[in-house]
Amino acid sequence: MHCSLRRIARHILGIVGTLALTVTASMADSWPQRTVRLVVPVGAGTGPDIAARLFAERLAERWKQPVVVENRPGGDGVVGVTAFVNMRDDHSLLFSFAAPMSVYPATYERLSYDPKRDVIPIASASDTFVALTASLSLKAGSVAEFVALARKQPGKLNCFSAAGAFPYLFLGFAKNMGLDISIVPYRDQNIAVQDLAEGRIHCILSTITTALPAVQSGKARFIAVTNRERAPIAPDVPTAVESGFPDLHFEGLVGFFGPRDLPADRRDRIAADVRAVAAEPVITSRLAAIGQTASAGTPAEFARAIEEQRARMEAIVKSLGNRLAQ
């Protein structure tokens, strides 16, 4: 009798265990079960924010759940990334330019998060185009002409370089070329663009859309983009590599990241959905209009691109001898 009861009890426990595993698997497969939050570490209206909203709209349709964008600007992205890491929410994702994970480990003495442990690359979403733009007053129509003019006038040229990787990229390039050029700090990059148009500074290294007003006014010209491909909004502008200056090559990686405990199967599924959205013509055309190109891949590809950028930035910082003031 007792043996029969024990067998029945074991049988019931087995059924309960199987049901629990089935329910757990079903819940995992049905993610998301509620609103998904995309944390964007820059302000509304910026390039990453606009891209995040494009992807959010299309992913919401695929996931059958709302996808909302939450802007957490400040500290060149550090504030937003830190907030995301501290959320510990399985329905929150980070949508960010890659610099907080690829550049800042080399350029900051300390970070409030561990870029390799706390944030998991899921998939790239877009590539932001970065341009070296020269004032028309400089009379430099190419990178080669810019370098030649700078060599003839040591210490006379001054430029603005947007935050993040750009000051290091530009100073590393200048050092390799043997150029003596000063970087002028600006709190507001829009003022720098105005000064570029008026010839008060000679060049800007920034996202292509930042300098676009000066170019459209006919007072500045793009002389190269740092990306591996030409920008759709400026197809006649060569890449730095095409121009013979690979030291200026830099990809403006933007993409999705997850929390440290993100399950691998969910990461792969989100990445697949991001790739599907990135391939939609409406997404590619709208990204092109804001100086970006759709560029989605696998988690492994995104992680590798970030690691390559991190290694390169570490080498540049080492060559310069010190970190710049943040």
C-alpha atoms as a PDB file:
ATOM      1  CA  MET A   1       0.000   0.000   0.000  1.00  0.00           C
ATOM      2  CA  HIS A   2       2.724   2.407   1.051  1.00  0.00           C
ATOM      3  CA  CYS A   3       4.755   1.505  -2.039  1.00  0.00           C
ATOM      4  CA  SER A   4       1.748   2.250  -4.235  1.00  0.00           C
ATOM      5  CA  LEU A   5       1.272   5.615  -2.581  1.00  0.00           C
ATOM      6  CA  ARG A   6       4.932   6.441  -3.060  1.00  0.00           C
ATOM      7  CA  ARG A   7       4.731   5.468  -6.736  1.00  0.00           C
ATOM      8  CA  ILE A   8       1.633   7.658  -7.178  1.00  0.00           C
ATOM      9  CA  ALA A   9       3.350  10.560  -5.404  1.00  0.00           C
ATOM     10  CA  ARG A  10       6.448  10.227  -7.605  1.00  0.00           C
ATOM     11  CA  HIS A  11       4.210  10.099 -10.674  1.00  0.00           C
ATOM     12  CA  ILE A  12       2.380  13.264  -9.612  1.00  0.00           C
ATOM     13  CA  LEU A  13       5.641  15.074  -8.881  1.00  0.00           C
ATOM     14  CA  GLY A  14       6.940  14.057 -12.272  1.00  0.00           C
ATOM     15  CA  ILE A  15       3.860  15.471 -13.964  1.00  0.00           C
ATOM     16  CA  VAL A  16       4.120  18.710 -11.970  1.00  0.00           C
ATOM     17  CA  GLY A  17       7.798  19.029 -12.871  1.00  0.00           C
ATOM     18  CA  THR A  18       7.090  18.473 -16.551  1.00  0.00           C
ATOM     19  CA  LEU A  19       4.288  21.024 -16.502  1.00  0.00           C
ATOM     20  CA  ALA A  20       6.554  23.549 -14.772  1.00  0.00           C
ATOM     21  CA  LEU A  21       9.256  23.098 -17.414  1.00  0.00           C
ATOM     22  CA  THR A  22       6.671  23.391 -20.179  1.00  0.00           C
ATOM     23  CA  VAL A  23       5.250  26.604 -18.715  1.00  0.00           C
ATOM     24  CA  THR A  24       8.751  28.041 -18.243  1.00  0.00           C
ATOM     25  CA  ALA A  25       9.708  27.211 -21.838  1.00  0.00           C
ATOM     26  CA  SER A  26       6.433  28.642 -23.077  1.00  0.00           C
ATOM     27  CA  MET A  27       7.021  31.878 -21.170  1.00  0.00           C
ATOM     28  CA  ALA A  28      10.551  32.123 -22.591  1.00  0.00           C
ATOM     29  CA  ASP A  29       9.297  31.529 -26.116  1.00  0.00           C
ATOM     30  CA  SER A  30       6.536  34.107 -25.751  1.00  0.00           C
ATOM     31  CA  TRP A  31       8.811  36.994 -24.756  1.00  0.00           C
ATOM     32  CA  PRO A  32       7.898  39.811 -24.611  1.00  0.00           C
ATOM     33  CA  GLN A  33       4.886  39.489 -22.338  1.00  0.00           C
ATOM     34  CA  ARG A  34       4.553  43.224 -21.670  1.00  0.00           C
ATOM     35  CA  THR A  35       5.861  46.581 -22.834  1.00  0.00           C
ATOM     36  CA  VAL A  36       9.516  46.603 -23.893  1.00  0.00           C
ATOM     37  CA  ARG A  37      11.561  49.637 -22.919  1.00  0.00           C
ATOM     38  CA  LEU A  38      14.388  50.886 -25.164  1.00  0.00           C
ATOM     39  CA  VAL A  39      16.799  52.976 -23.121  1.00  0.00           C
ATOM     40  CA  VAL A  40      18.559  55.553 -25.327  1.00  0.00           C
ATOM     41  CA  PRO A  41      21.500  57.346 -23.640  1.00  0.00           C
ATOM     42  CA  VAL A  42      21.100  60.568 -25.655  1.00  0.00           C
ATOM     43  CA  GLY A  43      18.405  63.197 -25.979  1.00  0.00           C
ATOM     44  CA  ALA A  44      15.292  63.203 -28.122  1.00  0.00           C
ATOM     45  CA  GLY A  45      15.803  64.230 -31.739  1.00  0.00           C
ATOM     46  CA  THR A  46      19.395  62.996 -31.967  1.00  0.00           C
ATOM     47  CA  GLY A  47      20.458  60.414 -34.559  1.00  0.00           C
ATOM     48  CA  PRO A  48      20.376  57.379 -32.218  1.00  0.00           C
ATOM     49  CA  ASP A  49      17.019  58.501 -30.802  1.00  0.00           C
ATOM     50  CA  ILE A  50      15.437  58.781 -34.244  1.00  0.00           C
ATOM     51  CA  ALA A  51      16.824  55.377 -35.241  1.00  0.00           C
ATOM     52  CA  ALA A  52      15.561  53.851 -31.969  1.00  0.00           C
ATOM     53  CA  ARG A  53      12.045  55.096 -32.668  1.00  0.00           C
ATOM     54  CA  LEU A  54      12.113  53.686 -36.196  1.00  0.00           C
ATOM     55  CA  PHE A  55      13.091  50.257 -34.911  1.00  0.00           C
ATOM     56  CA  ALA A  56      10.701  50.473 -31.944  1.00  0.00           C
ATOM     57  CA  GLU A  57       7.724  51.006 -34.215  1.00  0.00           C
ATOM     58  CA  ARG A  58       8.508  48.012 -36.410  1.00  0.00           C
ATOM     59  CA  LEU A  59       9.558  45.704 -33.564  1.00  0.00           C
ATOM     60  CA  ALA A  60       6.308  46.454 -31.725  1.00  0.00           C
ATOM     61  CA  GLU A  61       4.428  45.072 -34.708  1.00  0.00           C
ATOM     62  CA  ARG A  62       6.528  41.914 -34.729  1.00  0.00           C
ATOM     63  CA  TRP A  63       6.398  41.377 -30.969  1.00  0.00           C
ATOM     64  CA  LYS A  64       2.713  42.287 -30.516  1.00  0.00           C
ATOM     65  CA  GLN A  65       3.667  44.428 -27.542  1.00  0.00           C
ATOM     66  CA  PRO A  66       4.388  48.170 -27.180  1.00  0.00           C
ATOM     67  CA  VAL A  67       8.032  49.204 -27.510  1.00  0.00           C
ATOM     68  CA  VAL A  68       8.685  52.570 -25.888  1.00  0.00           C
ATOM     69  CA  VAL A  69      11.800  54.744 -26.083  1.00  0.00           C
ATOM     70  CA  GLU A  70      13.124  56.190 -22.836  1.00  0.00           C
ATOM     71  CA  ASN A  71      15.769  58.894 -23.215  1.00  0.00           C
ATOM     72  CA  ARG A  72      18.453  59.033 -20.498  1.00  0.00           C
ATOM     73  CA  PRO A  73      20.939  61.648 -21.764  1.00  0.00           C
ATOM     74  CA  GLY A  74      24.052  62.868 -19.982  1.00  0.00           C
ATOM     75  CA  GLY A  75      27.750  62.210 -19.618  1.00  0.00           C
ATOM     76  CA  ASP A  76      28.258  61.334 -23.300  1.00  0.00           C
ATOM     77  CA  GLY A  77      26.030  58.300 -22.821  1.00  0.00           C
ATOM     78  CA  VAL A  78      27.436  57.102 -19.502  1.00  0.00           C
ATOM     79  CA  VAL A  79      24.350  58.213 -17.546  1.00  0.00           C
ATOM     80  CA  GLY A  80      21.984  56.238 -19.754  1.00  0.00           C
ATOM     81  CA  VAL A  81      24.101  53.085 -19.844  1.00  0.00           C
ATOM     82  CA  THR A  82      24.485  53.156 -16.062  1.00  0.00           C
ATOM     83  CA  ALA A  83      20.726  53.581 -15.629  1.00  0.00           C
ATOM     84  CA  PHE A  84      20.084  50.627 -17.936  1.00  0.00           C
ATOM     85  CA  VAL A  85      22.548  48.384 -16.104  1.00  0.00           C
ATOM     86  CA  ASN A  86      20.901  49.225 -12.774  1.00  0.00           C
ATOM     87  CA  MET A  87      17.374  48.470 -14.000  1.00  0.00           C
ATOM     88  CA  ARG A  88      17.761  44.690 -13.892  1.00  0.00           C
ATOM     89  CA  ASP A  89      14.626  44.383 -15.993  1.00  0.00           C
ATOM     90  CA  ASP A  90      14.179  41.549 -18.483  1.00  0.00           C
ATOM     91  CA  HIS A  91      11.914  43.749 -20.633  1.00  0.00           C
ATOM     92  CA  SER A  92      14.427  46.590 -21.025  1.00  0.00           C
ATOM     93  CA  LEU A  93      17.003  46.847 -23.794  1.00  0.00           C
ATOM     94  CA  LEU A  94      19.695  49.434 -24.477  1.00  0.00           C
ATOM     95  CA  PHE A  95      19.784  51.143 -27.862  1.00  0.00           C
ATOM     96  CA  SER A  96      23.051  53.030 -28.092  1.00  0.00           C
ATOM     97  CA  PHE A  97      26.032  54.110 -30.092  1.00  0.00           C
ATOM     98  CA  ALA A  98      28.853  51.705 -29.291  1.00  0.00           C
ATOM     99  CA  ALA A  99      31.315  54.154 -27.715  1.00  0.00           C
ATOM    100  CA  PRO A 100      30.260  53.539 -24.068  1.00  0.00           C
ATOM    101  CA  MET A 101      31.258  49.909 -24.599  1.00  0.00           C
ATOM    102  CA  SER A 102      34.051  50.215 -27.184  1.00  0.00           C
ATOM    103  CA  VAL A 103      35.697  53.614 -26.645  1.00  0.00           C
ATOM    104  CA  TYR A 104      35.173  54.665 -23.028  1.00  0.00           C
ATOM    105  CA  PRO A 105      37.023  51.679 -21.498  1.00  0.00           C
ATOM    106  CA  ALA A 106      40.145  53.166 -23.091  1.00  0.00           C
ATOM    107  CA  THR A 107      39.384  56.847 -22.554  1.00  0.00           C
ATOM    108  CA  TYR A 108      37.893  56.924 -19.043  1.00  0.00           C
ATOM    109  CA  GLU A 109      39.865  56.188 -15.899  1.00  0.00           C
ATOM    110  CA  ARG A 110      36.742  54.697 -14.287  1.00  0.00           C
ATOM    111  CA  LEU A 111      33.273  53.723 -15.436  1.00  0.00           C
ATOM    112  CA  SER A 112      30.161  53.107 -13.345  1.00  0.00           C
ATOM    113  CA  TYR A 113      29.530  49.864 -15.243  1.00  0.00           C
ATOM    114  CA  ASP A 114      31.616  47.021 -16.635  1.00  0.00           C
ATOM    115  CA  PRO A 115      31.351  47.188 -20.447  1.00  0.00           C
ATOM    116  CA  LYS A 116      32.281  43.520 -20.872  1.00  0.00           C
ATOM    117  CA  ARG A 117      30.233  42.075 -18.025  1.00  0.00           C
ATOM    118  CA  ASP A 118      27.136  44.255 -17.580  1.00  0.00           C
ATOM    119  CA  VAL A 119      26.116  44.858 -21.200  1.00  0.00           C
ATOM    120  CA  ILE A 120      25.621  42.130 -23.829  1.00  0.00           C
ATOM    121  CA  PRO A 121      25.826  43.024 -27.563  1.00  0.00           C
ATOM    122  CA  ILE A 122      22.716  41.775 -29.365  1.00  0.00           C
ATOM    123  CA  ALA A 123      22.823  43.238 -32.870  1.00  0.00           C
ATOM    124  CA  SER A 124      24.026  46.311 -34.686  1.00  0.00           C
ATOM    125  CA  ALA A 125      21.161  48.336 -36.106  1.00  0.00           C
ATOM    126  CA  SER A 126      22.754  51.151 -38.062  1.00  0.00           C
ATOM    127  CA  ASP A 127      26.029  52.808 -38.916  1.00  0.00           C
ATOM    128  CA  THR A 128      26.237  56.567 -38.359  1.00  0.00           C
ATOM    129  CA  PHE A 129      28.298  58.420 -40.941  1.00  0.00           C
ATOM    130  CA  VAL A 130      31.169  60.517 -39.628  1.00  0.00           C
ATOM    131  CA  ALA A 131      32.772  63.229 -41.755  1.00  0.00           C
ATOM    132  CA  LEU A 132      35.830  65.433 -41.771  1.00  0.00           C
ATOM    133  CA  THR A 133      34.485  68.807 -42.886  1.00  0.00           C
ATOM    134  CA  ALA A 134      36.644  71.787 -43.884  1.00  0.00           C
ATOM    135  CA  SER A 135      35.752  75.447 -43.978  1.00  0.00           C
ATOM    136  CA  LEU A 136      35.640  76.811 -47.517  1.00  0.00           C
ATOM    137  CA  SER A 137      38.112  79.473 -46.405  1.00  0.00           C
ATOM    138  CA  LEU A 138      40.753  76.760 -45.971  1.00  0.00           C
ATOM    139  CA  LYS A 139      40.677  75.893 -49.694  1.00  0.00           C
ATOM    140  CA  ALA A 140      41.164  72.192 -49.054  1.00  0.00           C
ATOM    141  CA  GLY A 141      39.096  69.929 -51.262  1.00  0.00           C
ATOM    142  CA  SER A 142      40.519  66.634 -50.034  1.00  0.00           C
ATOM    143  CA  VAL A 143      42.257  65.082 -47.044  1.00  0.00           C
ATOM    144  CA  ALA A 144      45.557  65.202 -48.923  1.00  0.00           C
ATOM    145  CA  GLU A 145      45.182  68.945 -49.499  1.00  0.00           C
ATOM    146  CA  PHE A 146      44.174  69.438 -45.867  1.00  0.00           C
ATOM    147  CA  VAL A 147      47.299  67.590 -44.683  1.00  0.00           C
ATOM    148  CA  ALA A 148      49.517  69.594 -47.047  1.00  0.00           C
ATOM    149  CA  LEU A 149      48.097  72.911 -45.804  1.00  0.00           C
ATOM    150  CA  ALA A 150      48.470  71.870 -42.172  1.00  0.00           C
ATOM    151  CA  ARG A 151      52.118  70.919 -42.732  1.00  0.00           C
ATOM    152  CA  LYS A 152      52.811  74.331 -44.250  1.00  0.00           C
ATOM    153  CA  GLN A 153      51.201  76.095 -41.272  1.00  0.00           C
ATOM    154  CA  PRO A 154      52.234  74.262 -38.085  1.00  0.00           C
ATOM    155  CA  GLY A 155      50.242  75.401 -35.073  1.00  0.00           C
ATOM    156  CA  LYS A 156      48.021  77.687 -37.166  1.00  0.00           C
ATOM    157  CA  LEU A 157      45.015  75.435 -37.870  1.00  0.00           C
ATOM    158  CA  ASN A 158      42.342  74.774 -35.279  1.00  0.00           C
ATOM    159  CA  CYS A 159      39.528  72.263 -35.400  1.00  0.00           C
ATOM    160  CA  PHE A 160      36.576  71.036 -33.417  1.00  0.00           C
ATOM    161  CA  SER A 161      36.096  67.360 -32.750  1.00  0.00           C
ATOM    162  CA  ALA A 162      32.831  66.047 -31.318  1.00  0.00           C
ATOM    163  CA  ALA A 163      32.901  64.102 -28.055  1.00  0.00           C
ATOM    164  CA  GLY A 164      33.632  60.424 -27.506  1.00  0.00           C
ATOM    165  CA  ALA A 165      36.107  58.792 -29.849  1.00  0.00           C
ATOM    166  CA  PHE A 166      36.491  61.716 -32.213  1.00  0.00           C
ATOM    167  CA  PRO A 167      39.135  63.803 -30.383  1.00  0.00           C
ATOM    168  CA  TYR A 168      41.331  60.706 -30.014  1.00  0.00           C
ATOM    169  CA  LEU A 169      40.764  59.662 -33.608  1.00  0.00           C
ATOM    170  CA  PHE A 170      41.649  63.122 -34.894  1.00  0.00           C
ATOM    171  CA  LEU A 171      44.694  63.639 -32.663  1.00  0.00           C
ATOM    172  CA  GLY A 172      45.942  60.131 -33.442  1.00  0.00           C
ATOM    173  CA  PHE A 173      45.628  60.907 -37.140  1.00  0.00           C
ATOM    174  CA  ALA A 174      47.367  64.263 -36.723  1.00  0.00           C
ATOM    175  CA  LYS A 175      50.239  62.664 -34.806  1.00  0.00           C
ATOM    176  CA  ASN A 176      50.733  59.961 -37.426  1.00  0.00           C
ATOM    177  CA  MET A 177      50.744  62.605 -40.155  1.00  0.00           C
ATOM    178  CA  GLY A 178      53.140  64.856 -38.224  1.00  0.00           C
ATOM    179  CA  LEU A 179      50.598  67.692 -37.990  1.00  0.00           C
ATOM    180  CA  ASP A 180      50.474  70.414 -35.335  1.00  0.00           C
ATOM    181  CA  ILE A 181      46.749  71.191 -35.067  1.00  0.00           C
ATOM    182  CA  SER A 182      44.811  72.466 -32.073  1.00  0.00           C
ATOM    183  CA  ILE A 183      41.419  71.122 -30.978  1.00  0.00           C
ATOM    184  CA  VAL A 184      39.082  73.895 -29.850  1.00  0.00           C
ATOM    185  CA  PRO A 185      36.521  72.870 -27.190  1.00  0.00           C
ATOM    186  CA  TYR A 186      32.866  73.843 -27.573  1.00  0.00           C
ATOM    187  CA  ARG A 187      30.011  73.208 -25.168  1.00  0.00           C
ATOM    188  CA  ASP A 188      27.551  73.475 -28.055  1.00  0.00           C
ATOM    189  CA  GLN A 189      28.578  71.842 -31.320  1.00  0.00           C
ATOM    190  CA  ASN A 190      26.089  74.009 -33.202  1.00  0.00           C
ATOM    191  CA  ILE A 191      28.239  77.027 -32.338  1.00  0.00           C
ATOM    192  CA  ALA A 192      31.234  75.146 -33.736  1.00  0.00           C
ATOM    193  CA  VAL A 193      29.355  74.619 -37.002  1.00  0.00           C
ATOM    194  CA  GLN A 194      28.597  78.346 -37.178  1.00  0.00           C
ATOM    195  CA  ASP A 195      32.253  79.170 -36.568  1.00  0.00           C
ATOM    196  CA  LEU A 196      33.248  76.684 -39.268  1.00  0.00           C
ATOM    197  CA  ALA A 197      30.954  78.429 -41.743  1.00  0.00           C
ATOM    198  CA  GLU A 198      32.488  81.790 -40.849  1.00  0.00           C
ATOM    199  CA  GLY A 199      36.052  80.475 -41.082  1.00  0.00           C
ATOM    200  CA  ARG A 200      36.839  80.999 -37.384  1.00  0.00           C
ATOM    201  CA  ILE A 201      37.764  77.312 -37.134  1.00  0.00           C
ATOM    202  CA  HIS A 202      39.142  75.294 -40.015  1.00  0.00           C
ATOM    203  CA  CYS A 203      37.621  71.823 -39.707  1.00  0.00           C
ATOM    204  CA  ILE A 204      35.193  69.615 -37.822  1.00  0.00           C
ATOM    205  CA  LEU A 205      35.238  65.872 -37.229  1.00  0.00           C
ATOM    206  CA  SER A 206      31.680  64.887 -36.329  1.00  0.00           C
ATOM    207  CA  THR A 207      28.633  63.019 -37.521  1.00  0.00           C
ATOM    208  CA  ILE A 208      27.853  64.032 -41.057  1.00  0.00           C
ATOM    209  CA  THR A 209      24.515  65.583 -40.113  1.00  0.00           C
ATOM    210  CA  THR A 210      26.165  67.856 -37.518  1.00  0.00           C
ATOM    211  CA  ALA A 211      28.160  69.724 -40.166  1.00  0.00           C
ATOM    212  CA  LEU A 212      25.477  69.495 -42.861  1.00  0.00           C
ATOM    213  CA  PRO A 213      24.083  73.033 -42.305  1.00  0.00           C
ATOM    214  CA  ALA A 214      27.488  74.606 -43.005  1.00  0.00           C
ATOM    215  CA  VAL A 215      27.881  72.499 -46.147  1.00  0.00           C
ATOM    216  CA  GLN A 216      24.369  73.275 -47.361  1.00  0.00           C
ATOM    217  CA  SER A 217      25.018  76.995 -46.883  1.00  0.00           C
ATOM    218  CA  GLY A 218      27.992  76.690 -49.254  1.00  0.00           C
ATOM    219  CA  LYS A 219      30.516  77.736 -46.595  1.00  0.00           C
ATOM    220  CA  ALA A 220      32.086  74.339 -45.888  1.00  0.00           C
ATOM    221  CA  ARG A 221      32.712  71.065 -47.674  1.00  0.00           C
ATOM    222  CA  PHE A 222      32.903  67.434 -46.673  1.00  0.00           C
ATOM    223  CA  ILE A 223      36.346  66.126 -47.601  1.00  0.00           C
ATOM    224  CA  ALA A 224      35.993  62.530 -46.388  1.00  0.00           C
ATOM    225  CA  VAL A 225      33.781  60.166 -44.432  1.00  0.00           C
ATOM    226  CA  THR A 226      35.458  57.852 -41.949  1.00  0.00           C
ATOM    227  CA  ASN A 227      33.181  54.876 -42.630  1.00  0.00           C
ATOM    228  CA  ARG A 228      34.002  51.952 -44.893  1.00  0.00           C
ATOM    229  CA  GLU A 229      31.239  53.004 -47.300  1.00  0.00           C
ATOM    230  CA  ARG A 230      30.237  56.358 -48.760  1.00  0.00           C
ATOM    231  CA  ALA A 231      27.275  58.170 -47.227  1.00  0.00           C
ATOM    232  CA  PRO A 232      24.032  58.080 -49.247  1.00  0.00           C
ATOM    233  CA  ILE A 233      23.388  61.756 -48.439  1.00  0.00           C
ATOM    234  CA  ALA A 234      26.842  62.701 -49.791  1.00  0.00           C
ATOM    235  CA  PRO A 235      27.679  60.023 -52.390  1.00  0.00           C
ATOM    236  CA  ASP A 236      30.413  62.089 -54.058  1.00  0.00           C
ATOM    237  CA  VAL A 237      32.460  62.357 -50.870  1.00  0.00           C
ATOM    238  CA  PRO A 238      35.156  59.652 -50.707  1.00  0.00           C
ATOM    239  CA  THR A 239      35.925  57.559 -47.668  1.00  0.00           C
ATOM    240  CA  ALA A 240      39.136  58.187 -45.745  1.00  0.00           C
ATOM    241  CA  VAL A 241      40.418  54.794 -46.869  1.00  0.00           C
ATOM    242  CA  GLU A 242      39.669  55.618 -50.518  1.00  0.00           C
ATOM    243  CA  SER A 243      41.543  58.882 -50.008  1.00  0.00           C
ATOM    244  CA  GLY A 244      44.616  57.011 -48.771  1.00  0.00           C
ATOM    245  CA  PHE A 245      44.266  57.798 -45.049  1.00  0.00           C
ATOM    246  CA  PRO A 246      43.218  54.621 -43.227  1.00  0.00           C
ATOM    247  CA  ASP A 247      44.129  56.196 -39.857  1.00  0.00           C
ATOM    248  CA  LEU A 248      40.874  58.144 -40.153  1.00  0.00           C
ATOM    249  CA  HIS A 249      38.738  55.035 -40.614  1.00  0.00           C
ATOM    250  CA  PHE A 250      36.030  54.757 -37.962  1.00  0.00           C
ATOM    251  CA  GLU A 251      32.600  53.133 -37.925  1.00  0.00           C
ATOM    252  CA  GLY A 252      29.736  54.867 -36.118  1.00  0.00           C
ATOM    253  CA  LEU A 253      28.276  51.654 -34.682  1.00  0.00           C
ATOM    254  CA  VAL A 254      24.766  51.864 -33.227  1.00  0.00           C
ATOM    255  CA  GLY A 255      22.806  48.902 -31.952  1.00  0.00           C
ATOM    256  CA  PHE A 256      20.899  46.878 -29.389  1.00  0.00           C
ATOM    257  CA  PHE A 257      22.367  45.646 -26.105  1.00  0.00           C
ATOM    258  CA  GLY A 258      20.911  43.471 -23.374  1.00  0.00           C
ATOM    259  CA  PRO A 259      21.518  42.983 -19.639  1.00  0.00           C
ATOM    260  CA  ARG A 260      24.223  40.656 -18.372  1.00  0.00           C
ATOM    261  CA  ASP A 261      21.818  37.759 -17.695  1.00  0.00           C
ATOM    262  CA  LEU A 262      20.113  37.865 -21.098  1.00  0.00           C
ATOM    263  CA  PRO A 263      19.394  34.262 -22.198  1.00  0.00           C
ATOM    264  CA  ALA A 264      21.266  33.287 -25.363  1.00  0.00           C
ATOM    265  CA  ASP A 265      18.134  32.082 -27.157  1.00  0.00           C
ATOM    266  CA  ARG A 266      16.349  35.372 -26.502  1.00  0.00           C
ATOM    267  CA  ARG A 267      19.395  37.344 -27.648  1.00  0.00           C
ATOM    268  CA  ASP A 268      19.446  35.386 -30.910  1.00  0.00           C
ATOM    269  CA  ARG A 269      15.742  35.864 -31.453  1.00  0.00           C
ATOM    270  CA  ILE A 270      15.928  39.627 -30.874  1.00  0.00           C
ATOM    271  CA  ALA A 271      18.923  39.827 -33.226  1.00  0.00           C
ATOM    272  CA  ALA A 272      16.987  37.988 -35.934  1.00  0.00           C
ATOM    273  CA  ASP A 273      14.058  40.388 -35.549  1.00  0.00           C
ATOM    274  CA  VAL A 274      16.402  43.387 -35.726  1.00  0.00           C
ATOM    275  CA  ARG A 275      17.912  42.032 -38.941  1.00  0.00           C
ATOM    276  CA  ALA A 276      14.447  41.584 -40.424  1.00  0.00           C
ATOM    277  CA  VAL A 277      13.451  45.149 -39.553  1.00  0.00           C
ATOM    278  CA  ALA A 278      16.745  46.606 -40.821  1.00  0.00           C
ATOM    279  CA  ALA A 279      16.102  44.999 -44.211  1.00  0.00           C
ATOM    280  CA  GLU A 280      12.769  46.788 -44.679  1.00  0.00           C
ATOM    281  CA  PRO A 281      12.975  49.481 -47.407  1.00  0.00           C
ATOM    282  CA  VAL A 282      11.160  52.034 -45.255  1.00  0.00           C
ATOM    283  CA  ILE A 283      13.831  51.674 -42.576  1.00  0.00           C
ATOM    284  CA  THR A 284      16.787  51.917 -44.955  1.00  0.00           C
ATOM    285  CA  SER A 285      15.389  55.011 -46.663  1.00  0.00           C
ATOM    286  CA  ARG A 286      14.521  56.816 -43.424  1.00  0.00           C
ATOM    287  CA  LEU A 287      17.910  56.029 -41.892  1.00  0.00           C
ATOM    288  CA  ALA A 288      19.679  57.322 -45.009  1.00  0.00           C
ATOM    289  CA  ALA A 289      17.843  60.624 -44.618  1.00  0.00           C
ATOM    290  CA  ILE A 290      19.431  61.153 -41.182  1.00  0.00           C
ATOM    291  CA  GLY A 291      22.968  60.204 -42.172  1.00  0.00           C
ATOM    292  CA  GLN A 292      22.834  56.531 -41.223  1.00  0.00           C
ATOM    293  CA  THR A 293      22.703  53.234 -43.019  1.00  0.00           C
ATOM    294  CA  ALA A 294      20.971  50.056 -41.871  1.00  0.00           C
ATOM    295  CA  SER A 295      23.611  47.596 -40.710  1.00  0.00           C
ATOM    296  CA  ALA A 296      22.309  44.610 -38.760  1.00  0.00           C
ATOM    297  CA  GLY A 297      24.157  41.386 -38.087  1.00  0.00           C
ATOM    298  CA  THR A 298      24.523  38.558 -35.610  1.00  0.00           C
ATOM    299  CA  PRO A 299      25.419  38.952 -31.923  1.00  0.00           C
ATOM    300  CA  ALA A 300      28.876  37.526 -32.639  1.00  0.00           C
ATOM    301  CA  GLU A 301      29.493  40.007 -35.445  1.00  0.00           C
ATOM    302  CA  PHE A 302      28.409  42.949 -33.307  1.00  0.00           C
ATOM    303  CA  ALA A 303      30.553  41.798 -30.377  1.00  0.00           C
ATOM    304  CA  ARG A 304      33.547  41.389 -32.676  1.00  0.00           C
ATOM    305  CA  ALA A 305      33.123  44.888 -34.158  1.00  0.00           C
ATOM    306  CA  ILE A 306      32.956  46.390 -30.664  1.00  0.00           C
ATOM    307  CA  GLU A 307      36.054  44.506 -29.548  1.00  0.00           C
ATOM    308  CA  GLU A 308      37.971  45.627 -32.640  1.00  0.00           C
ATOM    309  CA  GLN A 309      36.989  49.242 -32.001  1.00  0.00           C
ATOM    310  CA  ARG A 310      37.983  48.913 -28.333  1.00  0.00           C
ATOM    311  CA  ALA A 311      41.415  47.523 -29.237  1.00  0.00           C
ATOM    312  CA  ARG A 312      41.995  50.257 -31.790  1.00  0.00           C
ATOM    313  CA  MET A 313      41.036  52.999 -29.352  1.00  0.00           C
ATOM    314  CA  GLU A 314      43.347  51.552 -26.699  1.00  0.00           C
ATOM    315  CA  ALA A 315      46.199  51.695 -29.218  1.00  0.00           C
ATOM    316  CA  ILE A 316      45.414  55.318 -30.123  1.00  0.00           C
ATOM    317  CA  VAL A 317      45.233  56.405 -26.472  1.00  0.00           C
ATOM    318  CA  LYS A 318      48.535  54.649 -25.788  1.00  0.00           C
ATOM    319  CA  SER A 319      50.178  56.374 -28.758  1.00  0.00           C
ATOM    320  CA  LEU A 320      48.993  59.777 -27.507  1.00  0.00           C
ATOM    321  CA  GLY A 321      50.466  59.059 -24.094  1.00  0.00           C
ATOM    322  CA  ASN A 322      47.454  60.005 -22.001  1.00  0.00           C
ATOM    323  CA  ARG A 323      43.697  60.337 -21.807  1.00  0.00           C
ATOM    324  CA  LEU A 324      42.141  63.686 -22.631  1.00  0.00           C
ATOM    325  CA  ALA A 325      40.171  65.636 -20.029  1.00  0.00           C
ATOM    326  CA  GLN A 326      36.561  64.469 -20.039  1.00  0.00           C
END
